[in-house]
Amino acid sequence: MAFRWDAFQELSAVEVHDLLRLRSLVFVVEQACVFAEIDGRDPEAIHLRQFVGEDLAGCLRILGDGDAIRIGRIATAAAYRGRGYGHEMMAEALRYAAWRFAGRDVLISAQAHLEAFYGRHGFVVISAPYDEDGIPHIDMRRAGSPGA
């Protein structure tokens, strides 16, 4: 398994296609949720792609959000779920955040059924459940790390 961090502008057209295809398969097709997955924020984000061999197994993005950062668009390909890859990807994202954005809190808008998953990574619930595109969500926060 390998991780690659890139600014959007550093991605090739094929890499952008593959990234957006994975996210669309997970968020739009699998979850039967019609929403603007391409929201215009990708160009300002830093993108993590997780590879198993040549396969794109997962991805996420990090955005600045005031005094905090926001990790979002967290997706794992169906073929790679249940093997711990999601936890490894989140650990890599938090390692990178502590290095690049030392001391800044990390925010996520999590699907409510994933509360325990994110809780294992130090996130705590900071909102009541709310509906986002027909799926229950909660906001979660993890205190910033001092960096490496």
N, C-alpha and C. Protein backbone atom coordinates (compact mmCIF):
# COMPACT_ATOMS: atom_id res chain seq x y z
N MET A 1 0.85 -1.17 0.00
CA MET A 1 0.00 0.00 0.00
C MET A 1 0.89 1.24 0.00
N ALA A 2 0.42 2.27 -0.69
CA ALA A 2 1.17 3.52 -0.78
C ALA A 2 0.21 4.69 -0.71
N PHE A 3 0.71 5.81 -0.19
CA PHE A 3 -0.06 7.05 -0.12
C PHE A 3 0.59 8.09 -0.99
N ARG A 4 -0.24 8.93 -1.62
CA ARG A 4 0.27 10.06 -2.40
C ARG A 4 -0.53 11.29 -2.05
N TRP A 5 0.17 12.37 -1.69
CA TRP A 5 -0.42 13.67 -1.41
C TRP A 5 -0.15 14.57 -2.59
N ASP A 6 -1.18 15.26 -3.08
CA ASP A 6 -1.01 16.19 -4.19
C ASP A 6 -1.98 17.35 -4.06
N ALA A 7 -1.51 18.53 -4.44
CA ALA A 7 -2.44 19.64 -4.67
C ALA A 7 -3.21 19.30 -5.95
N PHE A 8 -4.39 19.81 -6.07
CA PHE A 8 -5.24 19.50 -7.23
C PHE A 8 -4.51 19.79 -8.54
N GLN A 9 -3.80 20.91 -8.59
CA GLN A 9 -3.11 21.33 -9.81
C GLN A 9 -1.98 20.38 -10.20
N GLU A 10 -1.53 19.58 -9.26
CA GLU A 10 -0.45 18.62 -9.54
C GLU A 10 -0.97 17.31 -10.13
N LEU A 11 -2.27 17.10 -10.07
CA LEU A 11 -2.85 15.87 -10.59
C LEU A 11 -2.99 15.93 -12.10
N SER A 12 -2.73 14.81 -12.76
CA SER A 12 -2.95 14.75 -14.21
C SER A 12 -4.45 14.62 -14.48
N ALA A 13 -4.84 14.79 -15.71
CA ALA A 13 -6.25 14.65 -16.08
C ALA A 13 -6.75 13.25 -15.74
N VAL A 14 -5.95 12.24 -15.98
CA VAL A 14 -6.35 10.86 -15.67
C VAL A 14 -6.49 10.68 -14.16
N GLU A 15 -5.58 11.26 -13.38
CA GLU A 15 -5.65 11.15 -11.91
C GLU A 15 -6.89 11.86 -11.37
N VAL A 16 -7.23 13.03 -11.92
CA VAL A 16 -8.45 13.72 -11.51
C VAL A 16 -9.66 12.86 -11.85
N HIS A 17 -9.69 12.31 -13.05
CA HIS A 17 -10.78 11.43 -13.46
C HIS A 17 -10.95 10.28 -12.48
N ASP A 18 -9.86 9.61 -12.15
CA ASP A 18 -9.92 8.45 -11.27
C ASP A 18 -10.40 8.84 -9.87
N LEU A 19 -9.93 9.96 -9.37
CA LEU A 19 -10.33 10.45 -8.06
C LEU A 19 -11.83 10.75 -8.03
N LEU A 20 -12.31 11.50 -9.01
CA LEU A 20 -13.73 11.85 -9.06
C LEU A 20 -14.60 10.63 -9.34
N ARG A 21 -14.09 9.69 -10.12
CA ARG A 21 -14.85 8.45 -10.38
C ARG A 21 -15.05 7.68 -9.09
N LEU A 22 -13.99 7.50 -8.29
CA LEU A 22 -14.11 6.77 -7.03
C LEU A 22 -15.12 7.46 -6.12
N ARG A 23 -15.00 8.76 -5.95
CA ARG A 23 -15.92 9.48 -5.08
C ARG A 23 -17.36 9.38 -5.58
N SER A 24 -17.56 9.47 -6.89
CA SER A 24 -18.92 9.36 -7.44
C SER A 24 -19.48 7.96 -7.23
N LEU A 25 -18.66 6.94 -7.41
CA LEU A 25 -19.13 5.57 -7.18
C LEU A 25 -19.58 5.37 -5.74
N VAL A 26 -18.82 5.90 -4.79
CA VAL A 26 -19.14 5.73 -3.38
C VAL A 26 -20.31 6.61 -2.97
N PHE A 27 -20.20 7.90 -3.21
CA PHE A 27 -21.18 8.85 -2.65
C PHE A 27 -22.46 8.97 -3.46
N VAL A 28 -22.40 8.84 -4.77
CA VAL A 28 -23.58 9.04 -5.60
C VAL A 28 -24.23 7.70 -5.95
N VAL A 29 -23.46 6.76 -6.49
CA VAL A 29 -24.03 5.50 -6.95
C VAL A 29 -24.36 4.57 -5.79
N GLU A 30 -23.37 4.19 -4.97
CA GLU A 30 -23.62 3.24 -3.88
C GLU A 30 -24.64 3.76 -2.88
N GLN A 31 -24.53 5.04 -2.53
CA GLN A 31 -25.42 5.59 -1.51
C GLN A 31 -26.70 6.16 -2.11
N ALA A 32 -26.86 6.00 -3.43
CA ALA A 32 -28.05 6.48 -4.13
C ALA A 32 -28.41 7.90 -3.70
N CYS A 33 -27.41 8.77 -3.75
CA CYS A 33 -27.57 10.13 -3.25
C CYS A 33 -27.19 11.12 -4.35
N VAL A 34 -28.18 11.78 -4.87
CA VAL A 34 -27.92 12.76 -5.92
C VAL A 34 -27.58 14.09 -5.25
N PHE A 35 -26.32 14.51 -5.41
CA PHE A 35 -25.86 15.78 -4.85
C PHE A 35 -24.68 16.26 -5.67
N ALA A 36 -24.30 17.50 -5.46
CA ALA A 36 -23.19 18.10 -6.23
C ALA A 36 -21.86 17.62 -5.66
N GLU A 37 -21.46 16.41 -6.00
CA GLU A 37 -20.20 15.85 -5.50
C GLU A 37 -19.02 16.72 -5.92
N ILE A 38 -19.05 17.23 -7.12
CA ILE A 38 -18.01 18.16 -7.57
C ILE A 38 -18.49 19.54 -7.15
N ASP A 39 -17.96 20.02 -6.02
CA ASP A 39 -18.49 21.21 -5.36
C ASP A 39 -17.67 22.47 -5.58
N GLY A 40 -16.64 22.41 -6.40
CA GLY A 40 -15.82 23.58 -6.67
C GLY A 40 -14.70 23.82 -5.67
N ARG A 41 -14.57 22.96 -4.66
CA ARG A 41 -13.54 23.18 -3.64
C ARG A 41 -12.29 22.33 -3.86
N ASP A 42 -12.34 21.40 -4.78
CA ASP A 42 -11.16 20.56 -5.02
C ASP A 42 -9.90 21.35 -5.39
N PRO A 43 -9.99 22.40 -6.19
CA PRO A 43 -8.77 23.13 -6.53
C PRO A 43 -8.04 23.75 -5.33
N GLU A 44 -8.75 24.03 -4.22
CA GLU A 44 -8.10 24.60 -3.04
C GLU A 44 -7.68 23.54 -2.03
N ALA A 45 -7.97 22.29 -2.31
CA ALA A 45 -7.70 21.19 -1.37
C ALA A 45 -6.37 20.51 -1.65
N ILE A 46 -5.91 19.79 -0.63
CA ILE A 46 -4.79 18.86 -0.78
C ILE A 46 -5.41 17.47 -0.75
N HIS A 47 -5.04 16.66 -1.70
CA HIS A 47 -5.70 15.36 -1.88
C HIS A 47 -4.77 14.21 -1.50
N LEU A 48 -5.32 13.28 -0.74
CA LEU A 48 -4.61 12.04 -0.41
C LEU A 48 -5.24 10.94 -1.23
N ARG A 49 -4.38 10.19 -1.92
CA ARG A 49 -4.85 9.00 -2.63
C ARG A 49 -4.11 7.80 -2.06
N GLN A 50 -4.86 6.74 -1.82
CA GLN A 50 -4.32 5.51 -1.25
C GLN A 50 -4.35 4.44 -2.34
N PHE A 51 -3.21 3.84 -2.58
CA PHE A 51 -3.09 2.82 -3.62
C PHE A 51 -2.77 1.46 -3.01
N VAL A 52 -3.37 0.44 -3.57
CA VAL A 52 -2.99 -0.94 -3.30
C VAL A 52 -2.53 -1.46 -4.66
N GLY A 53 -1.23 -1.65 -4.79
CA GLY A 53 -0.68 -1.93 -6.11
C GLY A 53 -0.95 -0.73 -7.00
N GLU A 54 -1.56 -0.95 -8.14
CA GLU A 54 -1.92 0.13 -9.06
C GLU A 54 -3.35 0.63 -8.84
N ASP A 55 -4.11 -0.03 -7.96
CA ASP A 55 -5.51 0.31 -7.74
C ASP A 55 -5.67 1.50 -6.80
N LEU A 56 -6.53 2.43 -7.16
CA LEU A 56 -6.91 3.51 -6.27
C LEU A 56 -7.91 2.92 -5.27
N ALA A 57 -7.46 2.73 -4.03
CA ALA A 57 -8.28 2.08 -3.01
C ALA A 57 -9.05 3.07 -2.16
N GLY A 58 -8.54 4.30 -2.05
CA GLY A 58 -9.22 5.28 -1.21
C GLY A 58 -8.72 6.68 -1.49
N CYS A 59 -9.46 7.66 -0.98
CA CYS A 59 -9.06 9.04 -1.16
C CYS A 59 -9.73 9.91 -0.10
N LEU A 60 -9.19 11.09 0.09
CA LEU A 60 -9.80 12.12 0.93
C LEU A 60 -9.16 13.43 0.56
N ARG A 61 -9.71 14.52 1.12
CA ARG A 61 -9.13 15.83 0.86
C ARG A 61 -9.08 16.62 2.16
N ILE A 62 -8.15 17.58 2.21
CA ILE A 62 -8.02 18.48 3.35
C ILE A 62 -8.19 19.91 2.85
N LEU A 63 -9.02 20.66 3.57
CA LEU A 63 -9.28 22.06 3.26
C LEU A 63 -9.06 22.91 4.49
N GLY A 64 -8.61 24.13 4.31
CA GLY A 64 -8.56 25.08 5.41
C GLY A 64 -9.98 25.47 5.79
N ASP A 65 -10.23 25.67 7.08
CA ASP A 65 -11.56 26.05 7.56
C ASP A 65 -11.39 26.98 8.75
N GLY A 66 -11.04 28.22 8.50
CA GLY A 66 -10.78 29.16 9.58
C GLY A 66 -9.53 28.77 10.34
N ASP A 67 -9.65 28.66 11.66
CA ASP A 67 -8.51 28.27 12.49
C ASP A 67 -8.32 26.76 12.54
N ALA A 68 -9.17 26.03 11.85
CA ALA A 68 -9.10 24.57 11.83
C ALA A 68 -8.87 24.11 10.40
N ILE A 69 -8.78 22.81 10.22
CA ILE A 69 -8.77 22.22 8.88
C ILE A 69 -9.93 21.24 8.82
N ARG A 70 -10.35 20.93 7.62
CA ARG A 70 -11.46 20.01 7.42
C ARG A 70 -11.01 18.86 6.53
N ILE A 71 -11.20 17.65 7.01
CA ILE A 71 -10.97 16.45 6.20
C ILE A 71 -12.33 16.02 5.67
N GLY A 72 -12.41 15.79 4.37
CA GLY A 72 -13.68 15.41 3.78
C GLY A 72 -13.51 14.56 2.55
N ARG A 73 -14.65 14.23 1.96
CA ARG A 73 -14.70 13.37 0.77
C ARG A 73 -13.88 12.10 1.00
N ILE A 74 -14.06 11.51 2.18
CA ILE A 74 -13.33 10.31 2.58
C ILE A 74 -14.03 9.11 1.96
N ALA A 75 -13.34 8.41 1.08
CA ALA A 75 -13.96 7.29 0.37
C ALA A 75 -12.99 6.13 0.26
N THR A 76 -13.51 4.93 0.46
CA THR A 76 -12.75 3.70 0.24
C THR A 76 -13.51 2.88 -0.79
N ALA A 77 -12.81 2.41 -1.81
CA ALA A 77 -13.44 1.58 -2.85
C ALA A 77 -14.03 0.33 -2.21
N ALA A 78 -15.18 -0.09 -2.71
CA ALA A 78 -15.90 -1.23 -2.14
C ALA A 78 -15.02 -2.47 -2.01
N ALA A 79 -14.17 -2.73 -2.98
CA ALA A 79 -13.32 -3.92 -2.97
C ALA A 79 -12.29 -3.91 -1.85
N TYR A 80 -12.05 -2.75 -1.22
CA TYR A 80 -11.02 -2.64 -0.20
C TYR A 80 -11.56 -2.36 1.20
N ARG A 81 -12.86 -2.41 1.36
CA ARG A 81 -13.45 -2.17 2.68
C ARG A 81 -13.32 -3.40 3.56
N GLY A 82 -13.32 -3.17 4.87
CA GLY A 82 -13.26 -4.27 5.83
C GLY A 82 -11.88 -4.84 6.04
N ARG A 83 -10.85 -4.18 5.53
CA ARG A 83 -9.48 -4.67 5.65
C ARG A 83 -8.58 -3.73 6.46
N GLY A 84 -9.16 -2.68 7.00
CA GLY A 84 -8.38 -1.73 7.79
C GLY A 84 -7.77 -0.60 6.98
N TYR A 85 -8.00 -0.57 5.67
CA TYR A 85 -7.40 0.47 4.85
C TYR A 85 -7.93 1.86 5.21
N GLY A 86 -9.21 1.95 5.56
CA GLY A 86 -9.78 3.23 5.94
C GLY A 86 -9.09 3.80 7.17
N HIS A 87 -8.81 2.93 8.16
CA HIS A 87 -8.10 3.38 9.36
C HIS A 87 -6.68 3.82 9.02
N GLU A 88 -6.03 3.09 8.14
CA GLU A 88 -4.67 3.48 7.74
C GLU A 88 -4.67 4.81 7.00
N MET A 89 -5.68 5.02 6.16
CA MET A 89 -5.77 6.28 5.43
C MET A 89 -6.04 7.44 6.39
N MET A 90 -6.92 7.24 7.37
CA MET A 90 -7.20 8.30 8.34
C MET A 90 -5.96 8.59 9.19
N ALA A 91 -5.23 7.57 9.59
CA ALA A 91 -4.00 7.78 10.36
C ALA A 91 -2.99 8.58 9.54
N GLU A 92 -2.88 8.30 8.26
CA GLU A 92 -1.98 9.06 7.39
C GLU A 92 -2.44 10.50 7.28
N ALA A 93 -3.74 10.73 7.14
CA ALA A 93 -4.26 12.09 7.04
C ALA A 93 -3.97 12.88 8.31
N LEU A 94 -4.12 12.26 9.47
CA LEU A 94 -3.87 12.94 10.74
C LEU A 94 -2.38 13.19 10.95
N ARG A 95 -1.54 12.26 10.50
CA ARG A 95 -0.09 12.46 10.56
C ARG A 95 0.30 13.67 9.72
N TYR A 96 -0.22 13.73 8.51
CA TYR A 96 0.07 14.84 7.60
C TYR A 96 -0.45 16.16 8.17
N ALA A 97 -1.67 16.13 8.71
CA ALA A 97 -2.26 17.35 9.29
C ALA A 97 -1.42 17.87 10.44
N ALA A 98 -0.91 16.97 11.29
CA ALA A 98 -0.08 17.39 12.42
C ALA A 98 1.23 18.01 11.93
N TRP A 99 1.74 17.52 10.82
CA TRP A 99 2.99 18.05 10.26
C TRP A 99 2.73 19.38 9.53
N ARG A 100 1.76 19.40 8.65
CA ARG A 100 1.52 20.57 7.79
C ARG A 100 0.73 21.68 8.48
N PHE A 101 -0.16 21.30 9.39
CA PHE A 101 -1.05 22.26 10.03
C PHE A 101 -0.96 22.13 11.55
N ALA A 102 0.23 22.08 12.08
CA ALA A 102 0.47 21.85 13.51
C ALA A 102 -0.41 22.74 14.39
N GLY A 103 -1.05 22.10 15.36
CA GLY A 103 -1.84 22.81 16.34
C GLY A 103 -3.27 23.12 15.93
N ARG A 104 -3.61 22.94 14.66
CA ARG A 104 -4.97 23.26 14.20
C ARG A 104 -5.90 22.08 14.45
N ASP A 105 -7.08 22.37 14.97
CA ASP A 105 -8.08 21.33 15.15
C ASP A 105 -8.50 20.79 13.79
N VAL A 106 -8.99 19.54 13.80
CA VAL A 106 -9.45 18.88 12.58
C VAL A 106 -10.95 18.66 12.70
N LEU A 107 -11.68 19.08 11.69
CA LEU A 107 -13.14 18.94 11.65
C LEU A 107 -13.53 17.94 10.57
N ILE A 108 -14.61 17.21 10.82
CA ILE A 108 -15.21 16.37 9.80
C ILE A 108 -16.72 16.43 9.93
N SER A 109 -17.38 16.28 8.82
CA SER A 109 -18.83 16.08 8.78
C SER A 109 -18.99 14.60 8.47
N ALA A 110 -19.34 13.83 9.50
CA ALA A 110 -19.33 12.36 9.38
C ALA A 110 -20.74 11.82 9.20
N GLN A 111 -20.86 10.79 8.40
CA GLN A 111 -22.12 10.07 8.39
C GLN A 111 -22.28 9.48 9.79
N ALA A 112 -23.46 9.66 10.37
CA ALA A 112 -23.67 9.32 11.78
C ALA A 112 -23.30 7.87 12.11
N HIS A 113 -23.51 6.95 11.20
CA HIS A 113 -23.20 5.55 11.51
C HIS A 113 -21.69 5.28 11.60
N LEU A 114 -20.87 6.28 11.24
CA LEU A 114 -19.41 6.13 11.32
C LEU A 114 -18.81 6.81 12.55
N GLU A 115 -19.64 7.18 13.51
CA GLU A 115 -19.16 7.86 14.72
C GLU A 115 -18.06 7.05 15.42
N ALA A 116 -18.25 5.76 15.59
CA ALA A 116 -17.25 4.94 16.29
C ALA A 116 -15.95 4.86 15.50
N PHE A 117 -16.05 4.76 14.16
CA PHE A 117 -14.85 4.72 13.32
C PHE A 117 -14.00 5.96 13.58
N TYR A 118 -14.59 7.14 13.50
CA TYR A 118 -13.83 8.37 13.70
C TYR A 118 -13.45 8.56 15.17
N GLY A 119 -14.27 8.06 16.07
CA GLY A 119 -13.94 8.11 17.49
C GLY A 119 -12.63 7.39 17.79
N ARG A 120 -12.35 6.31 17.07
CA ARG A 120 -11.08 5.59 17.25
C ARG A 120 -9.87 6.45 16.89
N HIS A 121 -10.12 7.53 16.15
CA HIS A 121 -9.03 8.42 15.74
C HIS A 121 -9.04 9.73 16.53
N GLY A 122 -9.76 9.74 17.64
CA GLY A 122 -9.74 10.89 18.53
C GLY A 122 -10.78 11.96 18.26
N PHE A 123 -11.70 11.72 17.36
CA PHE A 123 -12.75 12.69 17.06
C PHE A 123 -13.88 12.56 18.07
N VAL A 124 -14.46 13.70 18.45
CA VAL A 124 -15.62 13.72 19.35
C VAL A 124 -16.75 14.47 18.66
N VAL A 125 -17.96 14.07 18.96
CA VAL A 125 -19.15 14.68 18.37
C VAL A 125 -19.34 16.08 18.94
N ILE A 126 -19.61 17.06 18.05
CA ILE A 126 -19.81 18.44 18.49
C ILE A 126 -21.14 19.01 17.98
N SER A 127 -21.99 18.16 17.43
CA SER A 127 -23.29 18.66 16.95
C SER A 127 -24.36 17.60 17.16
N ALA A 128 -25.58 18.04 17.10
CA ALA A 128 -26.70 17.10 17.05
C ALA A 128 -26.73 16.50 15.64
N PRO A 129 -27.34 15.33 15.50
CA PRO A 129 -27.47 14.77 14.15
C PRO A 129 -28.27 15.71 13.25
N TYR A 130 -27.90 15.74 11.98
CA TYR A 130 -28.61 16.54 10.99
C TYR A 130 -28.63 15.79 9.67
N ASP A 131 -29.57 16.18 8.82
CA ASP A 131 -29.72 15.54 7.51
C ASP A 131 -28.86 16.28 6.49
N GLU A 132 -28.07 15.52 5.77
CA GLU A 132 -27.32 16.09 4.64
C GLU A 132 -27.56 15.19 3.45
N ASP A 133 -28.31 15.68 2.49
CA ASP A 133 -28.63 14.93 1.28
C ASP A 133 -29.30 13.59 1.58
N GLY A 134 -30.16 13.58 2.59
CA GLY A 134 -30.91 12.38 2.92
C GLY A 134 -30.17 11.37 3.78
N ILE A 135 -28.98 11.73 4.28
CA ILE A 135 -28.17 10.83 5.10
C ILE A 135 -27.90 11.51 6.43
N PRO A 136 -28.16 10.84 7.58
CA PRO A 136 -27.86 11.44 8.88
C PRO A 136 -26.35 11.69 9.04
N HIS A 137 -26.00 12.89 9.46
CA HIS A 137 -24.60 13.29 9.68
C HIS A 137 -24.45 13.89 11.07
N ILE A 138 -23.21 13.95 11.52
CA ILE A 138 -22.82 14.65 12.75
C ILE A 138 -21.52 15.37 12.47
N ASP A 139 -21.32 16.50 13.14
CA ASP A 139 -20.03 17.18 13.06
C ASP A 139 -19.16 16.64 14.17
N MET A 140 -17.88 16.45 13.86
CA MET A 140 -16.92 15.93 14.83
C MET A 140 -15.65 16.78 14.76
N ARG A 141 -14.94 16.82 15.90
CA ARG A 141 -13.72 17.61 16.00
C ARG A 141 -12.65 16.77 16.71
N ARG A 142 -11.42 16.97 16.26
CA ARG A 142 -10.25 16.37 16.93
C ARG A 142 -9.30 17.51 17.24
N ALA A 143 -8.86 17.56 18.48
CA ALA A 143 -7.95 18.62 18.89
C ALA A 143 -6.67 18.54 18.08
N GLY A 144 -6.12 19.71 17.74
CA GLY A 144 -4.90 19.78 16.95
C GLY A 144 -3.72 19.16 17.65
N SER A 145 -2.81 18.62 16.87
CA SER A 145 -1.57 18.03 17.39
C SER A 145 -0.45 19.06 17.25
N PRO A 146 0.51 19.04 18.16
CA PRO A 146 1.58 20.04 18.13
C PRO A 146 2.50 19.92 16.92
N GLY A 147 2.46 18.83 16.20
CA GLY A 147 3.32 18.66 15.02
C GLY A 147 4.53 17.82 15.33
N ALA A 148 5.30 17.58 14.28
CA ALA A 148 6.47 16.70 14.42
C ALA A 148 7.75 17.48 14.29
